[in-house]
């Protein structure tokens, strides 16, 4: 290999390293932004739950979900459960369905 080829390969390698570091930095900043947004939304959900009279401990929380279901507010119960527990739609639906099932 000639020295010109080695120099070009070296420059290209350094370019890839700098681009990688730039992308990593941008992704890191975006992650921090998302974490701050998550904390803000969690505080908002807690405030809404308090305003609606929904307790966050498990027994009272389940009773509140049952109350919402009794009022015909299935979607709201799903949304509250998903938000508070951080589960997928399918997991929340399975849990809400298990609450509605006759015992």
Protein backbone atom coordinates (compact mmCIF):
# COMPACT_ATOMS: atom_id res chain seq x y z
CA UNK A 1 0.00 0.00 0.00
CA UNK A 2 1.20 3.43 -0.77
CA UNK A 3 1.46 6.17 1.83
CA UNK A 4 -1.37 8.04 0.10
CA UNK A 5 -3.70 5.06 0.51
CA UNK A 6 -2.74 4.67 4.17
CA UNK A 7 -3.31 8.38 4.76
CA UNK A 8 -6.75 8.22 3.12
CA UNK A 9 -7.69 5.18 5.19
CA UNK A 10 -6.52 6.93 8.35
CA UNK A 11 -8.55 10.06 7.55
CA UNK A 12 -11.65 7.98 6.77
CA UNK A 13 -11.20 6.00 10.00
CA UNK A 14 -10.95 9.19 12.05
CA UNK A 15 -14.00 10.57 10.25
CA UNK A 16 -16.02 7.48 11.23
CA UNK A 17 -14.84 7.81 14.83
CA UNK A 18 -15.84 11.48 15.04
CA UNK A 19 -19.23 10.84 13.41
CA UNK A 20 -19.81 7.95 15.84
CA UNK A 21 -18.94 10.14 18.83
CA UNK A 22 -21.23 12.89 17.54
CA UNK A 23 -24.14 10.49 17.08
CA UNK A 24 -23.49 8.97 20.51
CA UNK A 25 -23.53 12.40 22.14
CA UNK A 26 -26.79 13.35 20.42
CA UNK A 27 -28.42 10.08 21.42
CA UNK A 28 -27.22 10.55 24.99
CA UNK A 29 -28.75 14.04 25.16
CA UNK A 30 -32.00 12.72 23.69
CA UNK A 31 -32.09 9.96 26.31
CA UNK A 32 -31.69 12.49 29.12
CA UNK A 33 -34.49 14.59 27.62
CA UNK A 34 -36.76 11.54 27.47
CA UNK A 35 -35.97 10.65 31.08
CA UNK A 36 -36.88 14.16 32.23
CA UNK A 37 -40.09 14.00 30.19
CA UNK A 38 -40.93 10.62 31.74
CA UNK A 39 -40.52 12.05 35.25
CA UNK A 40 -42.71 15.04 34.34
CA UNK A 41 -45.42 12.77 32.95
CA UNK A 42 -45.27 10.49 35.98
CA UNK A 43 -45.78 13.47 38.27
CA UNK A 44 -48.70 14.59 36.10
CA UNK A 45 -50.27 11.12 36.26
CA UNK A 46 -49.89 11.08 40.04
CA UNK A 47 -51.56 14.50 40.27
CA UNK A 48 -54.43 13.36 38.04
CA UNK A 49 -54.82 10.16 40.06
CA UNK A 50 -54.95 12.19 43.28
CA UNK A 51 -57.51 14.55 41.75
CA UNK A 52 -59.67 11.60 40.67
CA UNK A 53 -59.30 10.01 44.10
CA UNK A 54 -57.29 7.05 42.85
CA UNK A 55 -54.87 5.64 45.40
CA UNK A 56 -51.53 4.21 44.30
CA UNK A 57 -51.23 1.36 46.83
CA UNK A 58 -52.19 -2.03 45.40
CA UNK A 59 -55.41 -2.86 47.31
CA UNK A 60 -56.90 0.60 47.00
CA UNK A 61 -55.61 0.85 43.42
CA UNK A 62 -57.41 -2.38 42.50
CA UNK A 63 -60.58 -1.10 44.17
CA UNK A 64 -60.33 2.11 42.16
CA UNK A 65 -59.95 0.10 38.96
CA UNK A 66 -63.01 -1.95 39.92
CA UNK A 67 -64.91 1.28 40.57
CA UNK A 68 -63.99 2.58 37.11
CA UNK A 69 -65.08 -0.71 35.55
CA UNK A 70 -68.35 -0.56 37.49
CA UNK A 71 -68.96 2.89 36.05
CA UNK A 72 -68.39 1.49 32.54
CA UNK A 73 -65.07 3.31 32.13
CA UNK A 74 -63.06 0.38 30.77
CA UNK A 75 -60.81 2.54 28.61
CA UNK A 76 -59.98 4.81 31.54
CA UNK A 77 -59.19 1.79 33.72
CA UNK A 78 -56.88 0.43 31.00
CA UNK A 79 -55.15 3.80 30.60
CA UNK A 80 -54.67 4.26 34.34
CA UNK A 81 -53.33 0.73 34.81
CA UNK A 82 -50.94 1.03 31.85
CA UNK A 83 -49.63 4.39 32.98
CA UNK A 84 -49.17 3.53 36.64
CA UNK A 85 -47.77 0.04 36.14
CA UNK A 86 -45.83 0.76 32.94
CA UNK A 87 -47.07 -2.32 31.10
CA UNK A 88 -48.07 -2.95 27.51
CA UNK A 89 -51.64 -2.68 26.25
CA UNK A 90 -51.99 -6.47 26.09
CA UNK A 91 -50.77 -6.94 29.68
CA UNK A 92 -53.13 -4.22 30.92
CA UNK A 93 -56.05 -5.69 28.95
CA UNK A 94 -55.39 -9.14 30.40
CA UNK A 95 -55.34 -7.70 33.93
CA UNK A 96 -58.50 -5.63 33.42
CA UNK A 97 -60.24 -8.66 31.89
CA UNK A 98 -59.22 -10.73 34.92
CA UNK A 99 -60.82 -8.09 37.17
CA UNK A 100 -64.06 -8.23 35.17
CA UNK A 101 -64.18 -12.04 35.11
CA UNK A 102 -66.69 -13.59 37.50
CA UNK A 103 -65.02 -15.06 40.55
